N, C-alpha and C. Protein backbone atom coordinates (compact mmCIF):
# COMPACT_ATOMS: atom_id res chain seq x y z
N MET A 1 103.70 109.40 40.16
CA MET A 1 103.42 108.51 41.26
C MET A 1 103.92 107.11 40.89
N ALA A 2 104.67 106.51 41.74
CA ALA A 2 105.39 105.28 41.45
C ALA A 2 104.50 104.09 41.10
N ASP A 3 103.34 103.97 41.72
CA ASP A 3 102.50 102.79 41.49
C ASP A 3 101.32 103.07 40.56
N CYS A 4 101.32 104.19 39.87
CA CYS A 4 100.22 104.55 38.97
C CYS A 4 100.47 103.96 37.58
N LEU A 5 99.52 103.17 37.10
CA LEU A 5 99.63 102.53 35.79
C LEU A 5 99.87 103.56 34.68
N PHE A 6 99.11 104.66 34.69
CA PHE A 6 99.24 105.65 33.62
C PHE A 6 100.56 106.41 33.72
N CYS A 7 101.05 106.65 34.91
CA CYS A 7 102.37 107.27 35.06
C CYS A 7 103.46 106.35 34.50
N MET A 8 103.30 105.04 34.75
CA MET A 8 104.28 104.08 34.24
C MET A 8 104.25 104.03 32.71
N ILE A 9 103.07 104.15 32.12
CA ILE A 9 102.98 104.20 30.65
C ILE A 9 103.66 105.46 30.14
N ALA A 10 103.35 106.61 30.75
CA ALA A 10 103.95 107.88 30.33
C ALA A 10 105.46 107.88 30.48
N ASN A 11 105.96 107.14 31.46
CA ASN A 11 107.41 107.05 31.69
C ASN A 11 108.06 105.92 30.90
N HIS A 12 107.29 105.27 30.03
CA HIS A 12 107.77 104.17 29.19
C HIS A 12 108.25 102.97 29.99
N GLU A 13 107.69 102.79 31.17
CA GLU A 13 108.01 101.62 31.99
C GLU A 13 107.11 100.44 31.64
N ILE A 14 105.96 100.72 31.02
CA ILE A 14 105.03 99.69 30.55
C ILE A 14 104.82 99.95 29.07
N PRO A 15 104.95 98.93 28.24
CA PRO A 15 104.76 99.13 26.80
C PRO A 15 103.33 99.54 26.49
N SER A 16 103.19 100.42 25.51
CA SER A 16 101.89 100.87 25.05
C SER A 16 102.05 101.38 23.63
N GLU A 17 100.95 101.39 22.89
CA GLU A 17 100.99 101.90 21.53
C GLU A 17 100.75 103.41 21.57
N ILE A 18 101.81 104.15 21.75
CA ILE A 18 101.74 105.61 21.86
C ILE A 18 101.58 106.20 20.47
N VAL A 19 100.58 107.07 20.31
CA VAL A 19 100.34 107.71 19.01
C VAL A 19 100.81 109.16 19.00
N TYR A 20 101.00 109.75 20.20
CA TYR A 20 101.50 111.11 20.29
C TYR A 20 102.05 111.31 21.70
N GLU A 21 103.11 112.10 21.76
CA GLU A 21 103.69 112.42 23.06
C GLU A 21 104.46 113.73 22.95
N ASP A 22 104.37 114.52 24.00
CA ASP A 22 105.21 115.70 24.13
C ASP A 22 105.58 115.86 25.60
N ASP A 23 106.06 117.01 25.99
CA ASP A 23 106.51 117.17 27.37
C ASP A 23 105.37 117.24 28.38
N LYS A 24 104.11 117.45 27.91
CA LYS A 24 102.98 117.60 28.83
C LYS A 24 102.01 116.43 28.84
N ILE A 25 101.85 115.75 27.69
CA ILE A 25 100.84 114.71 27.57
C ILE A 25 101.37 113.47 26.86
N CYS A 26 100.64 112.39 27.02
CA CYS A 26 100.90 111.15 26.31
C CYS A 26 99.54 110.64 25.81
N VAL A 27 99.48 110.23 24.54
CA VAL A 27 98.25 109.72 23.95
C VAL A 27 98.55 108.33 23.41
N TYR A 28 97.76 107.35 23.84
CA TYR A 28 98.01 105.98 23.43
C TYR A 28 96.71 105.23 23.24
N ARG A 29 96.78 104.15 22.48
CA ARG A 29 95.59 103.35 22.17
C ARG A 29 95.11 102.60 23.41
N ASP A 30 93.79 102.58 23.59
CA ASP A 30 93.17 101.86 24.70
C ASP A 30 93.32 100.36 24.47
N ILE A 31 93.60 99.60 25.51
CA ILE A 31 93.78 98.15 25.35
C ILE A 31 92.45 97.41 25.22
N ALA A 32 91.34 98.08 25.54
CA ALA A 32 90.00 97.48 25.39
C ALA A 32 89.12 98.49 24.65
N PRO A 33 89.39 98.71 23.37
CA PRO A 33 88.71 99.78 22.64
C PRO A 33 87.19 99.59 22.56
N GLN A 34 86.48 100.71 22.70
CA GLN A 34 85.02 100.73 22.63
C GLN A 34 84.53 101.32 21.32
N ALA A 35 85.45 101.60 20.41
CA ALA A 35 85.14 102.15 19.09
C ALA A 35 86.32 101.81 18.18
N PRO A 36 86.13 101.93 16.85
CA PRO A 36 87.26 101.65 15.96
C PRO A 36 88.51 102.48 16.29
N VAL A 37 88.31 103.72 16.72
CA VAL A 37 89.42 104.54 17.22
C VAL A 37 89.12 104.86 18.67
N HIS A 38 90.02 104.47 19.56
CA HIS A 38 89.85 104.75 20.99
C HIS A 38 91.22 104.93 21.60
N VAL A 39 91.54 106.19 21.93
CA VAL A 39 92.81 106.49 22.57
C VAL A 39 92.56 107.17 23.91
N LEU A 40 93.56 107.12 24.76
CA LEU A 40 93.54 107.83 26.03
C LEU A 40 94.57 108.95 25.97
N MET A 41 94.17 110.12 26.43
CA MET A 41 95.09 111.25 26.56
C MET A 41 95.29 111.48 28.05
N ILE A 42 96.54 111.39 28.49
CA ILE A 42 96.84 111.60 29.90
C ILE A 42 97.86 112.72 30.06
N PRO A 43 97.72 113.49 31.14
CA PRO A 43 98.78 114.45 31.43
C PRO A 43 99.95 113.69 32.06
N LYS A 44 101.15 114.13 31.80
CA LYS A 44 102.30 113.49 32.43
C LYS A 44 102.37 113.84 33.92
N LYS A 45 101.75 114.92 34.30
CA LYS A 45 101.64 115.26 35.72
C LYS A 45 100.55 114.37 36.32
N HIS A 46 100.84 113.76 37.45
CA HIS A 46 99.85 112.91 38.10
C HIS A 46 98.81 113.76 38.82
N ILE A 47 97.57 113.64 38.35
CA ILE A 47 96.41 114.25 39.01
C ILE A 47 95.39 113.13 39.11
N GLU A 48 94.96 112.79 40.32
CA GLU A 48 94.10 111.61 40.49
C GLU A 48 92.74 111.73 39.82
N SER A 49 92.08 112.87 39.96
CA SER A 49 90.73 113.00 39.40
C SER A 49 90.41 114.47 39.18
N LEU A 50 89.26 114.71 38.56
CA LEU A 50 88.82 116.09 38.38
C LEU A 50 88.62 116.79 39.72
N ASP A 51 88.32 116.01 40.75
CA ASP A 51 88.16 116.58 42.09
C ASP A 51 89.47 117.10 42.67
N ASP A 52 90.59 116.69 42.09
CA ASP A 52 91.90 117.09 42.59
C ASP A 52 92.57 118.19 41.77
N VAL A 53 91.88 118.68 40.75
CA VAL A 53 92.42 119.75 39.92
C VAL A 53 92.51 121.03 40.74
N THR A 54 93.62 121.75 40.58
CA THR A 54 93.80 123.02 41.26
C THR A 54 93.95 124.14 40.24
N GLU A 55 93.98 125.32 40.73
CA GLU A 55 94.18 126.51 39.89
C GLU A 55 95.46 126.36 39.06
N ASP A 56 96.46 125.71 39.63
CA ASP A 56 97.74 125.50 38.92
C ASP A 56 97.62 124.59 37.71
N ASP A 57 96.53 123.83 37.62
CA ASP A 57 96.35 122.86 36.54
C ASP A 57 95.57 123.39 35.35
N LYS A 58 95.04 124.59 35.44
CA LYS A 58 94.15 125.05 34.37
C LYS A 58 94.86 125.20 33.03
N GLU A 59 96.11 125.59 33.01
CA GLU A 59 96.85 125.69 31.74
C GLU A 59 97.03 124.29 31.12
N LEU A 60 97.37 123.31 31.94
CA LEU A 60 97.55 121.95 31.46
C LEU A 60 96.25 121.38 30.91
N LEU A 61 95.15 121.57 31.62
CA LEU A 61 93.86 121.04 31.15
C LEU A 61 93.39 121.76 29.89
N GLY A 62 93.64 123.05 29.81
CA GLY A 62 93.33 123.79 28.59
C GLY A 62 94.16 123.29 27.42
N TYR A 63 95.42 123.00 27.68
CA TYR A 63 96.30 122.44 26.66
C TYR A 63 95.77 121.11 26.14
N MET A 64 95.31 120.26 27.06
CA MET A 64 94.76 118.97 26.66
C MET A 64 93.54 119.15 25.77
N MET A 65 92.66 120.06 26.15
CA MET A 65 91.45 120.27 25.34
C MET A 65 91.81 120.79 23.96
N LEU A 66 92.80 121.67 23.87
CA LEU A 66 93.22 122.17 22.57
C LEU A 66 93.87 121.07 21.72
N LYS A 67 94.48 120.08 22.34
CA LYS A 67 95.13 119.00 21.62
C LYS A 67 94.13 117.97 21.08
N VAL A 68 92.89 117.94 21.59
CA VAL A 68 91.92 116.95 21.14
C VAL A 68 91.74 117.00 19.63
N HIS A 69 91.49 118.19 19.08
CA HIS A 69 91.26 118.30 17.64
C HIS A 69 92.48 117.83 16.85
N GLU A 70 93.65 118.16 17.32
CA GLU A 70 94.88 117.71 16.65
C GLU A 70 94.95 116.18 16.64
N MET A 71 94.57 115.54 17.74
CA MET A 71 94.60 114.08 17.80
C MET A 71 93.54 113.49 16.87
N VAL A 72 92.37 114.10 16.80
CA VAL A 72 91.31 113.63 15.90
C VAL A 72 91.79 113.65 14.46
N GLU A 73 92.46 114.73 14.07
CA GLU A 73 93.02 114.80 12.71
C GLU A 73 94.12 113.77 12.51
N LEU A 74 95.02 113.64 13.48
CA LEU A 74 96.11 112.67 13.39
C LEU A 74 95.58 111.24 13.22
N LEU A 75 94.49 110.93 13.91
CA LEU A 75 93.93 109.58 13.89
C LEU A 75 92.95 109.35 12.74
N GLY A 76 92.67 110.40 11.96
CA GLY A 76 91.80 110.26 10.81
C GLY A 76 90.33 110.08 11.14
N ILE A 77 89.90 110.59 12.28
CA ILE A 77 88.49 110.48 12.66
C ILE A 77 87.70 111.51 11.87
N GLU A 78 86.62 111.02 11.24
CA GLU A 78 85.74 111.90 10.47
C GLU A 78 84.32 111.78 10.99
N ASN A 79 83.49 112.75 10.72
CA ASN A 79 82.06 112.72 11.04
C ASN A 79 81.74 112.74 12.53
N GLY A 80 82.63 113.22 13.34
CA GLY A 80 82.36 113.36 14.77
C GLY A 80 83.13 112.40 15.64
N TYR A 81 83.18 112.74 16.90
CA TYR A 81 83.92 111.95 17.88
C TYR A 81 83.36 112.25 19.25
N ARG A 82 83.72 111.44 20.21
CA ARG A 82 83.28 111.63 21.59
C ARG A 82 84.52 111.74 22.48
N VAL A 83 84.45 112.66 23.44
CA VAL A 83 85.50 112.82 24.44
C VAL A 83 84.84 112.56 25.80
N VAL A 84 85.43 111.64 26.57
CA VAL A 84 84.85 111.22 27.84
C VAL A 84 85.90 111.32 28.93
N SER A 85 85.48 111.81 30.10
CA SER A 85 86.33 111.77 31.28
C SER A 85 85.50 111.21 32.42
N ASN A 86 85.84 110.01 32.87
CA ASN A 86 85.14 109.39 33.99
C ASN A 86 85.76 109.88 35.28
N ASN A 87 84.91 110.19 36.27
CA ASN A 87 85.42 110.72 37.53
C ASN A 87 84.74 110.03 38.70
N GLY A 88 85.50 109.22 39.41
CA GLY A 88 84.97 108.54 40.60
C GLY A 88 84.42 107.16 40.31
N GLU A 89 84.14 106.44 41.39
CA GLU A 89 83.70 105.05 41.31
C GLU A 89 82.42 104.87 40.51
N ASP A 90 81.40 105.67 40.78
CA ASP A 90 80.12 105.51 40.08
C ASP A 90 80.24 105.76 38.58
N ALA A 91 81.24 106.51 38.17
CA ALA A 91 81.47 106.80 36.75
C ALA A 91 82.46 105.81 36.13
N GLN A 92 82.86 104.80 36.91
CA GLN A 92 83.78 103.76 36.43
C GLN A 92 85.20 104.26 36.16
N GLN A 93 85.66 105.22 36.95
CA GLN A 93 87.07 105.62 36.84
C GLN A 93 87.89 104.53 37.51
N THR A 94 88.55 103.72 36.72
CA THR A 94 89.28 102.57 37.26
C THR A 94 90.76 102.87 37.54
N VAL A 95 91.31 103.87 36.88
CA VAL A 95 92.69 104.28 37.15
C VAL A 95 92.64 105.69 37.72
N LYS A 96 93.24 105.87 38.87
CA LYS A 96 93.21 107.16 39.56
C LYS A 96 94.29 108.09 38.99
N HIS A 97 94.08 108.47 37.74
CA HIS A 97 94.93 109.42 37.03
C HIS A 97 94.02 110.05 35.98
N ILE A 98 93.83 111.34 36.04
CA ILE A 98 92.93 112.02 35.13
C ILE A 98 93.29 111.68 33.68
N HIS A 99 92.26 111.45 32.85
CA HIS A 99 92.50 111.13 31.45
C HIS A 99 91.26 111.39 30.62
N LEU A 100 91.48 111.58 29.34
CA LEU A 100 90.40 111.75 28.38
C LEU A 100 90.38 110.55 27.45
N HIS A 101 89.20 109.99 27.25
CA HIS A 101 89.00 108.99 26.20
C HIS A 101 88.59 109.77 24.95
N ILE A 102 89.25 109.51 23.84
CA ILE A 102 88.84 110.08 22.55
C ILE A 102 88.41 108.90 21.69
N LEU A 103 87.12 108.89 21.31
CA LEU A 103 86.55 107.77 20.57
C LEU A 103 85.96 108.26 19.26
N GLY A 104 86.12 107.46 18.22
CA GLY A 104 85.55 107.82 16.92
C GLY A 104 85.52 106.63 15.99
N GLY A 105 85.04 106.89 14.78
CA GLY A 105 85.02 105.85 13.77
C GLY A 105 83.71 105.10 13.66
N ARG A 106 82.70 105.51 14.44
CA ARG A 106 81.37 104.91 14.37
C ARG A 106 80.36 105.87 14.98
N PRO A 107 79.07 105.72 14.65
CA PRO A 107 78.04 106.54 15.29
C PRO A 107 77.90 106.13 16.78
N PHE A 108 77.61 107.09 17.62
CA PHE A 108 77.40 106.84 19.05
C PHE A 108 75.94 107.11 19.40
N GLY A 109 75.43 106.38 20.35
CA GLY A 109 74.07 106.59 20.82
C GLY A 109 74.02 107.56 21.98
N TRP A 110 72.81 107.96 22.31
CA TRP A 110 72.60 108.83 23.47
C TRP A 110 71.35 108.40 24.18
N PRO A 111 71.28 108.29 25.44
CA PRO A 111 72.34 108.66 26.39
C PRO A 111 73.42 107.58 26.48
N PRO A 112 74.63 108.00 26.83
CA PRO A 112 75.71 107.03 27.00
C PRO A 112 75.51 106.22 28.28
N GLY A 113 76.19 105.11 28.36
CA GLY A 113 76.20 104.31 29.57
C GLY A 113 74.89 103.68 29.85
């Protein structure tokens, strides 16, 4: 999508600190980190939210979930991590492009938010 911030990052139209990329996903450091390690994993396919996922997307979303552990190892996160996906206004989804936050490097409290 031409005006999507995350699509522009994935297309290298906006500079970002990319830590991993392949033909399906892009993983880059969050510009406002909430933990010592905080990256975003986005699919290169534009999907606005979890509400817009279709049967055709299940392989891509499964691929993303399988890549989480690889990213945790790549980033050197030890002793646990948190994976977050915000969906919709009340959940503070500010960019309408599905993404996973991968956070680590410190203890997290519960409940979140």
